Amino acid sequence: MLSAAGIGSGDQVVVPAFGNVEVAQAVARTGALPVFADIDPATYCLNPSAVEAAVTSRTAAVVVVHRFGRRADVEQLLGVGQRRGLLVLEHGESEAPYDEIAQRRERAAYLDAKLRGVRTPDSGDGHTFQQYVVRVPGNGRPDRDAFARSVRAKGVECRVPVRTPVHRLPEFRRFVSLPETERAADETLALPVDAPLTKREMQRMVSACNALGGLLQPAF
């Protein structure tokens, strides 16, 4: 898609560093340079203001990535593209059947109401909850990893959605300031909402997470 749009050597393309290394790799294969911009902490998608700040005279395009079932602010990003003469491309996620999305939303609503001691997702803009991603407040990665070990020990599946931001990987190492990206990589944890969970299993997940709430700073 990038090559077909005329993107190539000498161009820069703004991309997120929070996951999706394949996007940066696709930019690099054209001969262009991936430039990383920070994310909005609520959506985990590109922050339009950060994108605009990353634009230079060589910037030719922006690749917008939708994350965890939450859409980026495409309207604002298109506005940046129009002001700065940039191509704005979207990298979407696979669509799930309506019944599956409805089930995820029901489980997400239950977790929103019951979880304590973690920051639950922003469910705005038609969130489909491909992943239910919480924030574990406290001392960043050590507390998040300890939290994950504790809930796994109680039989609750969870996973770290992004362990290393792309701008920290050897092939794309950049010394750029992306505080929200790095904070998200250190604090986020994905809890299951799409597996065939029973009500008892959902209750066990809540109990396991809430039992740790007193050990951490209050959610914000």
Protein backbone atom coordinates (compact mmCIF):
# COMPACT_ATOMS: atom_id res chain seq x y z
CA MET A 1 0.00 0.00 0.00
CA LEU A 2 2.81 2.41 0.87
CA SER A 3 4.77 1.65 -2.30
CA ALA A 4 1.64 2.00 -4.41
CA ALA A 5 1.16 5.45 -2.89
CA GLY A 6 4.64 6.46 -3.99
CA ILE A 7 6.28 6.25 -0.56
CA GLY A 8 9.97 5.41 -0.81
CA SER A 9 13.56 6.37 -0.17
CA GLY A 10 13.98 9.78 1.42
CA ASP A 11 10.44 9.85 2.84
CA GLN A 12 9.43 9.68 6.47
CA VAL A 13 6.28 7.94 7.72
CA VAL A 14 4.85 8.57 11.19
CA VAL A 15 3.85 5.37 12.99
CA PRO A 16 3.11 4.29 16.58
CA ALA A 17 5.75 2.50 18.66
CA PHE A 18 3.22 0.81 20.96
CA GLY A 19 3.14 -2.64 19.35
CA ASN A 20 2.70 -3.47 15.66
CA VAL A 21 6.35 -3.84 14.66
CA GLU A 22 5.09 -5.05 11.29
CA VAL A 23 3.95 -1.49 10.49
CA ALA A 24 7.46 -0.09 10.98
CA GLN A 25 8.86 -3.03 9.02
CA ALA A 26 6.50 -2.30 6.12
CA VAL A 27 7.67 1.32 6.06
CA ALA A 28 11.33 0.26 6.13
CA ARG A 29 10.82 -2.16 3.22
CA THR A 30 9.85 0.76 0.98
CA GLY A 31 13.13 2.51 1.81
CA ALA A 32 11.33 5.16 3.87
CA LEU A 33 12.13 5.96 7.51
CA PRO A 34 9.59 5.13 10.24
CA VAL A 35 9.24 8.04 12.68
CA PHE A 36 7.59 7.24 16.01
CA ALA A 37 4.97 9.42 17.66
CA ASP A 38 3.42 9.02 21.10
CA ILE A 39 0.01 7.57 21.89
CA ASP A 40 -3.12 8.84 23.59
CA PRO A 41 -3.14 7.05 26.99
CA ALA A 42 -6.89 6.45 26.81
CA THR A 43 -7.04 4.84 23.36
CA TYR A 44 -3.47 3.49 22.97
CA CYS A 45 -3.60 4.88 19.42
CA LEU A 46 -1.60 7.73 17.90
CA ASN A 47 -2.08 11.10 19.58
CA PRO A 48 -2.89 13.66 16.84
CA SER A 49 -0.88 16.38 18.60
CA ALA A 50 2.15 14.09 18.86
CA VAL A 51 1.82 13.21 15.20
CA GLU A 52 1.78 16.86 14.18
CA ALA A 53 4.85 17.53 16.33
CA ALA A 54 6.70 14.68 14.59
CA VAL A 55 6.09 16.00 11.07
CA THR A 56 9.10 17.35 9.14
CA SER A 57 9.65 18.52 5.58
CA ARG A 58 10.33 14.89 4.64
CA THR A 59 7.17 13.42 6.15
CA ALA A 60 4.97 11.87 3.48
CA ALA A 61 2.42 9.79 5.40
CA VAL A 62 0.96 8.66 8.70
CA VAL A 63 -0.10 5.07 9.43
CA VAL A 64 -2.93 5.01 11.97
CA VAL A 65 -3.24 1.76 13.92
CA HIS A 66 -6.42 0.86 15.81
CA ARG A 67 -5.65 -0.98 19.07
CA PHE A 68 -7.43 -3.58 21.20
CA GLY A 69 -10.79 -2.91 19.50
CA ARG A 70 -10.66 0.85 20.22
CA ARG A 71 -10.48 3.12 17.19
CA ALA A 72 -8.00 5.94 16.84
CA ASP A 73 -9.22 9.53 16.50
CA VAL A 74 -9.26 9.32 12.72
CA GLU A 75 -11.05 12.62 12.24
CA GLN A 76 -8.33 14.55 14.08
CA LEU A 77 -5.58 12.61 12.33
CA LEU A 78 -7.11 13.29 8.93
CA GLY A 79 -7.15 16.94 9.91
CA VAL A 80 -3.40 16.78 10.57
CA GLY A 81 -2.94 15.14 7.19
CA GLN A 82 -4.91 17.83 5.40
CA ARG A 83 -3.05 20.66 7.12
CA ARG A 84 0.37 19.19 6.45
CA GLY A 85 -0.24 17.57 3.07
CA LEU A 86 0.19 13.99 4.29
CA LEU A 87 -1.29 10.70 3.21
CA VAL A 88 -3.18 9.10 6.14
CA LEU A 89 -3.48 5.31 6.02
CA GLU A 90 -5.36 3.07 8.46
CA HIS A 91 -4.17 -0.29 9.74
CA GLY A 92 -7.27 -2.04 11.04
CA GLU A 93 -7.95 -5.12 13.11
CA SER A 94 -9.85 -8.18 11.96
CA GLU A 95 -13.59 -7.90 12.42
CA ALA A 96 -15.42 -10.30 14.71
CA PRO A 97 -19.03 -11.47 14.35
CA TYR A 98 -21.62 -9.25 16.00
CA ASP A 99 -22.56 -11.90 18.57
CA GLU A 100 -18.93 -12.25 19.65
CA ILE A 101 -18.53 -8.47 20.00
CA ALA A 102 -21.75 -8.28 22.02
CA GLN A 103 -20.46 -11.01 24.35
CA ARG A 104 -17.14 -9.20 24.82
CA ARG A 105 -18.92 -5.94 25.61
CA GLU A 106 -21.11 -7.66 28.17
CA ARG A 107 -18.08 -9.15 29.91
CA ALA A 108 -16.21 -5.84 29.69
CA ALA A 109 -19.14 -4.05 31.32
CA TYR A 110 -19.11 -6.60 34.15
CA LEU A 111 -15.38 -6.09 34.72
CA ASP A 112 -15.77 -2.30 34.54
CA ALA A 113 -18.31 -2.48 37.35
CA LYS A 114 -16.51 -5.00 39.56
CA LEU A 115 -12.76 -4.42 39.28
CA ARG A 116 -10.98 -2.35 41.92
CA GLY A 117 -7.35 -1.25 42.18
CA VAL A 118 -6.74 -1.19 38.44
CA ARG A 119 -7.65 1.35 35.79
CA THR A 120 -10.21 -0.11 33.41
CA PRO A 121 -10.31 0.70 29.66
CA ASP A 122 -11.94 3.75 28.12
CA SER A 123 -14.90 2.10 26.38
CA GLY A 124 -15.73 5.03 24.10
CA ASP A 125 -16.15 5.16 20.33
CA GLY A 126 -17.59 1.70 19.74
CA HIS A 127 -14.94 -0.33 21.57
CA THR A 128 -15.16 -3.99 20.49
CA PHE A 129 -12.78 -5.26 23.21
CA GLN A 130 -10.55 -7.44 21.12
CA GLN A 131 -8.50 -7.18 24.28
CA TYR A 132 -9.61 -5.92 27.69
CA VAL A 133 -6.56 -3.93 28.74
CA VAL A 134 -6.24 -2.60 32.28
CA ARG A 135 -3.56 -0.45 33.89
CA VAL A 136 -1.85 -1.66 37.04
CA PRO A 137 -0.89 1.47 39.00
CA GLY A 138 2.15 1.55 41.23
CA ASN A 139 5.81 1.16 40.35
CA GLY A 140 5.39 0.45 36.64
CA ARG A 141 6.68 -2.82 35.22
CA PRO A 142 7.69 -4.49 38.53
CA ASP A 143 4.21 -4.04 40.03
CA ARG A 144 2.47 -4.99 36.78
CA ASP A 145 4.53 -8.17 36.45
CA ALA A 146 4.00 -9.08 40.11
CA PHE A 147 0.25 -8.51 39.67
CA ALA A 148 0.24 -10.79 36.60
CA ARG A 149 2.10 -13.56 38.44
CA SER A 150 -0.30 -13.37 41.35
CA VAL A 151 -3.48 -13.62 39.30
CA ARG A 152 -2.03 -16.41 37.15
CA ALA A 153 -1.24 -18.33 40.34
CA LYS A 154 -4.97 -18.18 41.08
CA GLY A 155 -5.83 -19.69 37.69
CA VAL A 156 -6.62 -16.47 35.83
CA GLU A 157 -5.17 -16.10 32.35
CA CYS A 158 -3.69 -12.72 31.51
CA ARG A 159 -0.96 -11.41 29.28
CA VAL A 160 1.19 -8.36 28.70
CA PRO A 161 0.00 -6.89 25.38
CA VAL A 162 3.20 -4.98 24.51
CA ARG A 163 6.44 -5.87 26.29
CA THR A 164 8.86 -3.73 24.26
CA PRO A 165 7.85 -0.63 22.28
CA VAL A 166 9.08 -0.69 18.69
CA HIS A 167 11.43 2.26 19.20
CA ARG A 168 13.30 0.15 21.78
CA LEU A 169 13.81 -2.86 19.48
CA PRO A 170 17.34 -3.22 18.06
CA GLU A 171 16.32 -2.79 14.42
CA PHE A 172 14.37 0.42 15.10
CA ARG A 173 16.10 1.87 18.14
CA ARG A 174 15.39 5.59 18.36
CA PHE A 175 16.25 8.04 21.13
CA VAL A 176 12.90 9.78 21.14
CA SER A 177 10.69 10.86 24.02
CA LEU A 178 7.51 8.74 24.04
CA PRO A 179 6.46 8.86 27.70
CA GLU A 180 2.88 7.60 27.22
CA THR A 181 4.06 4.72 25.03
CA GLU A 182 6.63 3.61 27.58
CA ARG A 183 4.24 4.04 30.50
CA ALA A 184 1.62 1.93 28.72
CA ALA A 185 4.18 -0.80 27.98
CA ASP A 186 5.11 -0.87 31.68
CA GLU A 187 1.60 -0.79 33.16
CA THR A 188 -0.82 -2.61 30.84
CA LEU A 189 -2.22 -6.09 31.26
CA ALA A 190 -4.82 -7.84 29.11
CA LEU A 191 -7.55 -9.86 30.84
CA PRO A 192 -9.62 -12.40 28.90
CA VAL A 193 -13.08 -11.44 27.64
CA ASP A 194 -13.32 -13.49 24.44
CA ALA A 195 -12.72 -17.02 25.73
CA PRO A 196 -15.68 -19.27 26.66
CA LEU A 197 -15.67 -18.01 30.25
CA THR A 198 -18.32 -19.06 32.73
CA LYS A 199 -19.82 -16.67 35.27
CA ARG A 200 -17.84 -18.42 38.00
CA GLU A 201 -14.61 -17.86 36.07
CA MET A 202 -15.43 -14.17 35.64
CA GLN A 203 -16.07 -13.90 39.38
CA ARG A 204 -12.77 -15.65 40.10
CA MET A 205 -10.97 -13.17 37.84
CA VAL A 206 -12.49 -10.23 39.70
CA SER A 207 -11.70 -11.74 43.11
CA ALA A 208 -8.09 -12.48 42.13
CA CYS A 209 -7.54 -8.94 40.85
CA ASN A 210 -9.38 -7.16 43.66
CA ALA A 211 -7.47 -9.10 46.33
CA LEU A 212 -4.34 -7.26 45.13
CA GLY A 213 -5.88 -3.80 45.08
CA GLY A 214 -4.85 -2.99 48.62
CA LEU A 215 -1.19 -3.61 47.77
CA LEU A 216 -1.17 -0.97 45.07
CA GLN A 217 -1.84 2.72 44.77
CA PRO A 218 -5.51 3.61 44.15
CA ALA A 219 -6.63 3.53 40.52
CA PHE A 220 -6.79 6.93 38.82
